[in-house]
C-alpha atoms as a PDB file:
ATOM      1  CA  UNK A   1      23.189  -7.018 -13.859  1.00  0.00           C
ATOM      2  CA  UNK A   2      20.149  -5.435 -12.255  1.00  0.00           C
ATOM      3  CA  UNK A   3      20.314  -3.298  -9.141  1.00  0.00           C
ATOM      4  CA  UNK A   4      18.806  -4.406  -5.822  1.00  0.00           C
ATOM      5  CA  UNK A   5      16.226  -1.619  -6.170  1.00  0.00           C
ATOM      6  CA  UNK A   6      15.146  -2.926  -9.583  1.00  0.00           C
ATOM      7  CA  UNK A   7      14.912  -6.480  -8.222  1.00  0.00           C
ATOM      8  CA  UNK A   8      12.811  -5.276  -5.279  1.00  0.00           C
ATOM      9  CA  UNK A   9      10.493  -3.332  -7.589  1.00  0.00           C
ATOM     10  CA  UNK A  10      10.108  -6.405  -9.807  1.00  0.00           C
ATOM     11  CA  UNK A  11       9.321  -8.550  -6.745  1.00  0.00           C
ATOM     12  CA  UNK A  12       6.670  -6.096  -5.557  1.00  0.00           C
ATOM     13  CA  UNK A  13       5.122  -5.989  -9.041  1.00  0.00           C
ATOM     14  CA  UNK A  14       4.993  -9.785  -9.270  1.00  0.00           C
ATOM     15  CA  UNK A  15       3.530 -10.074  -5.761  1.00  0.00           C
ATOM     16  CA  UNK A  16       0.826  -7.508  -6.606  1.00  0.00           C
ATOM     17  CA  UNK A  17       0.070  -9.322  -9.864  1.00  0.00           C
ATOM     18  CA  UNK A  18      -0.195 -12.652  -8.016  1.00  0.00           C
ATOM     19  CA  UNK A  19      -2.582 -11.130  -5.461  1.00  0.00           C
ATOM     20  CA  UNK A  20      -4.697  -9.602  -8.213  1.00  0.00           C
ATOM     21  CA  UNK A  21      -4.740 -12.946 -10.068  1.00  0.00           C
ATOM     22  CA  UNK A  22      -5.866 -14.716  -6.879  1.00  0.00           C
ATOM     23  CA  UNK A  23      -8.610 -12.126  -6.413  1.00  0.00           C
ATOM     24  CA  UNK A  24      -9.751 -12.494 -10.021  1.00  0.00           C
ATOM     25  CA  UNK A  25      -9.605 -16.306  -9.816  1.00  0.00           C
ATOM     26  CA  UNK A  26     -11.741 -16.336  -6.673  1.00  0.00           C
ATOM     27  CA  UNK A  27     -14.182 -13.959  -8.353  1.00  0.00           C
ATOM     28  CA  UNK A  28     -14.472 -16.254 -11.388  1.00  0.00           C
ATOM     29  CA  UNK A  29     -14.997 -19.273  -9.125  1.00  0.00           C
ATOM     30  CA  UNK A  30     -17.834 -17.406  -7.379  1.00  0.00           C
ATOM     31  CA  UNK A  31     -19.487 -16.463 -10.686  1.00  0.00           C
ATOM     32  CA  UNK A  32     -19.251 -19.988 -12.115  1.00  0.00           C
ATOM     33  CA  UNK A  33     -20.358 -21.720  -8.921  1.00  0.00           C
ATOM     34  CA  UNK A  34     -23.295 -19.348  -8.427  1.00  0.00           C
ATOM     35  CA  UNK A  35     -24.625 -18.929 -11.960  1.00  0.00           C
ATOM     36  CA  UNK A  36     -23.550 -22.135 -13.698  1.00  0.00           C
ATOM     37  CA  UNK A  37     -23.850 -24.717 -10.929  1.00  0.00           C
ATOM     38  CA  UNK A  38     -26.340 -22.826  -8.725  1.00  0.00           C
ATOM     39  CA  UNK A  39     -24.188 -23.678  -5.706  1.00  0.00           C
ATOM     40  CA  UNK A  40     -22.356 -20.559  -4.480  1.00  0.00           C
ATOM     41  CA  UNK A  41     -19.164 -21.017  -2.477  1.00  0.00           C
ATOM     42  CA  UNK A  42     -18.612 -18.760   0.495  1.00  0.00           C
ATOM     43  CA  UNK A  43     -14.829 -18.830   0.654  1.00  0.00           C
ATOM     44  CA  UNK A  44     -14.347 -16.954  -2.628  1.00  0.00           C
ATOM     45  CA  UNK A  45     -15.796 -13.726  -1.246  1.00  0.00           C
ATOM     46  CA  UNK A  46     -13.376 -13.890   1.668  1.00  0.00           C
ATOM     47  CA  UNK A  47     -10.435 -14.438  -0.701  1.00  0.00           C
ATOM     48  CA  UNK A  48     -11.580 -11.493  -2.842  1.00  0.00           C
ATOM     49  CA  UNK A  49     -11.859  -9.215   0.188  1.00  0.00           C
ATOM     50  CA  UNK A  50      -8.506 -10.152   1.694  1.00  0.00           C
ATOM     51  CA  UNK A  51      -6.584  -9.944  -1.567  1.00  0.00           C
ATOM     52  CA  UNK A  52      -8.209  -6.593  -2.380  1.00  0.00           C
ATOM     53  CA  UNK A  53      -7.058  -5.138   0.946  1.00  0.00           C
ATOM     54  CA  UNK A  54      -3.564  -6.512   0.345  1.00  0.00           C
ATOM     55  CA  UNK A  55      -3.351  -5.233  -3.252  1.00  0.00           C
ATOM     56  CA  UNK A  56      -4.406  -1.729  -2.225  1.00  0.00           C
ATOM     57  CA  UNK A  57      -2.013  -1.330   0.707  1.00  0.00           C
ATOM     58  CA  UNK A  58       0.811  -3.261  -0.964  1.00  0.00           C
ATOM     59  CA  UNK A  59       0.704  -1.198  -4.120  1.00  0.00           C
ATOM     60  CA  UNK A  60       0.093   2.200  -2.541  1.00  0.00           C
ATOM     61  CA  UNK A  61       3.651   2.878  -1.369  1.00  0.00           C
ATOM     62  CA  UNK A  62       5.676   0.023  -2.785  1.00  0.00           C
ATOM     63  CA  UNK A  63       4.711   0.444  -6.439  1.00  0.00           C
ATOM     64  CA  UNK A  64       3.292   3.926  -6.912  1.00  0.00           C
ATOM     65  CA  UNK A  65       5.537   6.963  -6.922  1.00  0.00           C
ATOM     66  CA  UNK A  66       4.589  10.269  -5.323  1.00  0.00           C
ATOM     67  CA  UNK A  67       3.506  11.669  -8.678  1.00  0.00           C
ATOM     68  CA  UNK A  68       1.231   8.698  -9.426  1.00  0.00           C
ATOM     69  CA  UNK A  69      -1.014   9.344  -6.421  1.00  0.00           C
ATOM     70  CA  UNK A  70      -4.126  11.449  -6.819  1.00  0.00           C
ATOM     71  CA  UNK A  71      -3.520  14.869  -5.273  1.00  0.00           C
ATOM     72  CA  UNK A  72      -5.321  18.170  -5.064  1.00  0.00           C
ATOM     73  CA  UNK A  73      -2.551  20.558  -6.022  1.00  0.00           C
ATOM     74  CA  UNK A  74      -4.382  23.581  -7.432  1.00  0.00           C
ATOM     75  CA  UNK A  75      -3.059  25.877  -4.706  1.00  0.00           C
ATOM     76  CA  UNK A  76       0.314  24.128  -4.572  1.00  0.00           C
ATOM     77  CA  UNK A  77       0.927  24.724  -8.307  1.00  0.00           C
ATOM     78  CA  UNK A  78       0.451  28.497  -7.867  1.00  0.00           C
ATOM     79  CA  UNK A  79       3.506  28.761  -5.595  1.00  0.00           C
ATOM     80  CA  UNK A  80       6.980  29.479  -7.007  1.00  0.00           C
ATOM     81  CA  UNK A  81       9.347  26.455  -6.994  1.00  0.00           C
ATOM     82  CA  UNK A  82      11.135  27.380  -3.757  1.00  0.00           C
ATOM     83  CA  UNK A  83       7.835  27.639  -1.871  1.00  0.00           C
ATOM     84  CA  UNK A  84       6.637  24.369  -3.412  1.00  0.00           C
ATOM     85  CA  UNK A  85       9.799  22.770  -2.084  1.00  0.00           C
ATOM     86  CA  UNK A  86       9.083  24.072   1.420  1.00  0.00           C
ATOM     87  CA  UNK A  87       5.438  22.951   1.287  1.00  0.00           C
ATOM     88  CA  UNK A  88       6.472  19.515  -0.028  1.00  0.00           C
ATOM     89  CA  UNK A  89       9.077  19.130   2.718  1.00  0.00           C
ATOM     90  CA  UNK A  90       6.642  20.178   5.472  1.00  0.00           C
ATOM     91  CA  UNK A  91       3.881  17.892   4.147  1.00  0.00           C
ATOM     92  CA  UNK A  92       6.238  14.947   3.701  1.00  0.00           C
ATOM     93  CA  UNK A  93       7.871  15.395   7.110  1.00  0.00           C
ATOM     94  CA  UNK A  94       4.494  15.753   8.820  1.00  0.00           C
ATOM     95  CA  UNK A  95       3.131  12.615   7.194  1.00  0.00           C
ATOM     96  CA  UNK A  96       6.295  10.642   7.945  1.00  0.00           C
ATOM     97  CA  UNK A  97       6.354  11.742  11.597  1.00  0.00           C
ATOM     98  CA  UNK A  98       2.662  10.979  12.124  1.00  0.00           C
ATOM     99  CA  UNK A  99       3.083   7.507  10.622  1.00  0.00           C
ATOM    100  CA  UNK A 100       6.260   6.949  12.656  1.00  0.00           C
ATOM    101  CA  UNK A 101       4.458   7.956  15.866  1.00  0.00           C
ATOM    102  CA  UNK A 102       1.531   5.654  15.031  1.00  0.00           C
ATOM    103  CA  UNK A 103       3.670   2.683  13.977  1.00  0.00           C
ATOM    104  CA  UNK A 104       4.224   1.011  17.392  1.00  0.00           C
ATOM    105  CA  UNK A 105       0.532   1.196  18.306  1.00  0.00           C
ATOM    106  CA  UNK A 106      -0.575  -0.015  14.872  1.00  0.00           C
ATOM    107  CA  UNK A 107       1.832  -2.965  14.959  1.00  0.00           C
ATOM    108  CA  UNK A 108       0.662  -3.813  18.471  1.00  0.00           C
ATOM    109  CA  UNK A 109      -2.961  -3.742  17.308  1.00  0.00           C
ATOM    110  CA  UNK A 110      -2.190  -5.921  14.279  1.00  0.00           C
ATOM    111  CA  UNK A 111      -0.558  -8.395  16.657  1.00  0.00           C
ATOM    112  CA  UNK A 112      -3.647  -8.235  18.892  1.00  0.00           C
ATOM    113  CA  UNK A 113      -5.860  -9.057  15.894  1.00  0.00           C
ATOM    114  CA  UNK A 114      -4.105 -12.439  15.627  1.00  0.00           C
ATOM    115  CA  UNK A 115      -6.379 -13.710  18.389  1.00  0.00           C
ATOM    116  CA  UNK A 116      -9.347 -13.633  16.004  1.00  0.00           C
ATOM    117  CA  UNK A 117      -9.800 -15.476  12.718  1.00  0.00           C
ATOM    118  CA  UNK A 118     -11.850 -14.946   9.591  1.00  0.00           C
ATOM    119  CA  UNK A 119     -15.240 -16.653   9.604  1.00  0.00           C
ATOM    120  CA  UNK A 120     -14.830 -19.056   6.702  1.00  0.00           C
ATOM    121  CA  UNK A 121     -11.153 -19.789   6.027  1.00  0.00           C
ATOM    122  CA  UNK A 122     -10.078 -19.262   9.657  1.00  0.00           C
ATOM    123  CA  UNK A 123      -7.145 -17.046   8.636  1.00  0.00           C
ATOM    124  CA  UNK A 124      -5.780 -15.083  11.611  1.00  0.00           C
ATOM    125  CA  UNK A 125      -6.619 -11.386  11.268  1.00  0.00           C
ATOM    126  CA  UNK A 126      -3.014 -10.393  11.925  1.00  0.00           C
ATOM    127  CA  UNK A 127      -2.157 -11.994   8.561  1.00  0.00           C
ATOM    128  CA  UNK A 128      -5.098 -10.280   6.911  1.00  0.00           C
ATOM    129  CA  UNK A 129      -4.105  -6.811   8.129  1.00  0.00           C
ATOM    130  CA  UNK A 130      -0.322  -7.173   8.184  1.00  0.00           C
ATOM    131  CA  UNK A 131      -0.360  -5.325   4.874  1.00  0.00           C
ATOM    132  CA  UNK A 132      -1.180  -2.127   6.778  1.00  0.00           C
ATOM    133  CA  UNK A 133       2.036  -2.507   8.778  1.00  0.00           C
ATOM    134  CA  UNK A 134       3.951  -2.986   5.521  1.00  0.00           C
ATOM    135  CA  UNK A 135       2.202   0.109   4.141  1.00  0.00           C
ATOM    136  CA  UNK A 136       3.144   2.238   7.162  1.00  0.00           C
ATOM    137  CA  UNK A 137       6.790   1.167   7.087  1.00  0.00           C
ATOM    138  CA  UNK A 138       6.985   1.800   3.337  1.00  0.00           C
ATOM    139  CA  UNK A 139       5.354   5.225   3.804  1.00  0.00           C
ATOM    140  CA  UNK A 140       7.867   6.176   6.502  1.00  0.00           C
ATOM    141  CA  UNK A 141      10.825   5.059   4.386  1.00  0.00           C
ATOM    142  CA  UNK A 142       9.331   6.761   1.327  1.00  0.00           C
ATOM    143  CA  UNK A 143       8.901  10.015   3.262  1.00  0.00           C
ATOM    144  CA  UNK A 144      12.506   9.899   4.443  1.00  0.00           C
ATOM    145  CA  UNK A 145      13.758   9.263   0.913  1.00  0.00           C
ATOM    146  CA  UNK A 146      11.602  12.069  -0.510  1.00  0.00           C
ATOM    147  CA  UNK A 147      12.887  14.488   2.130  1.00  0.00           C
ATOM    148  CA  UNK A 148      16.426  13.514   1.195  1.00  0.00           C
ATOM    149  CA  UNK A 149      15.707  14.148  -2.488  1.00  0.00           C
ATOM    150  CA  UNK A 150      14.019  17.486  -1.736  1.00  0.00           C
ATOM    151  CA  UNK A 151      17.007  18.550   0.357  1.00  0.00           C
ATOM    152  CA  UNK A 152      19.478  17.604  -2.389  1.00  0.00           C
ATOM    153  CA  UNK A 153      20.840  19.601  -5.297  1.00  0.00           C
ATOM    154  CA  UNK A 154      18.328  18.143  -7.792  1.00  0.00           C
ATOM    155  CA  UNK A 155      15.275  19.043  -5.690  1.00  0.00           C
ATOM    156  CA  UNK A 156      13.384  20.693  -8.575  1.00  0.00           C
ATOM    157  CA  UNK A 157      13.039  17.317 -10.317  1.00  0.00           C
ATOM    158  CA  UNK A 158      11.173  15.916  -7.298  1.00  0.00           C
ATOM    159  CA  UNK A 159       8.470  18.538  -6.813  1.00  0.00           C
END
């Protein structure tokens, strides 16, 4: 039997794959309609843009681990492990607290965006940008979990 964490990870992977497939499908429709039938469709560009935004923010904290992100760690790698732990904890806590402080305002703004709709498909902008709210919440939870791991006995594995 699989754990709830494994099921959640599988769900997030399948959702990202579905969004990427929708983006690719809309892209193919645009290519075929434009270059084969000489009758471009306008909705496919909107689908590509929306799904791209969703794939990026969805995948950033739900699928990628801390070590899979691109980082500039030249200076960080020169520190001894205990100092790296301190730097990692300060950076993670700072990021988590900034995102936590911004969360209510960001969610309020996303809700405000619902008053406007996209030009072609008439999708409310709060749906389009809700992925940023999901990203922020995942980043806050991820920061809390990383701080917990860095404070634990196996902290060296999580640097």
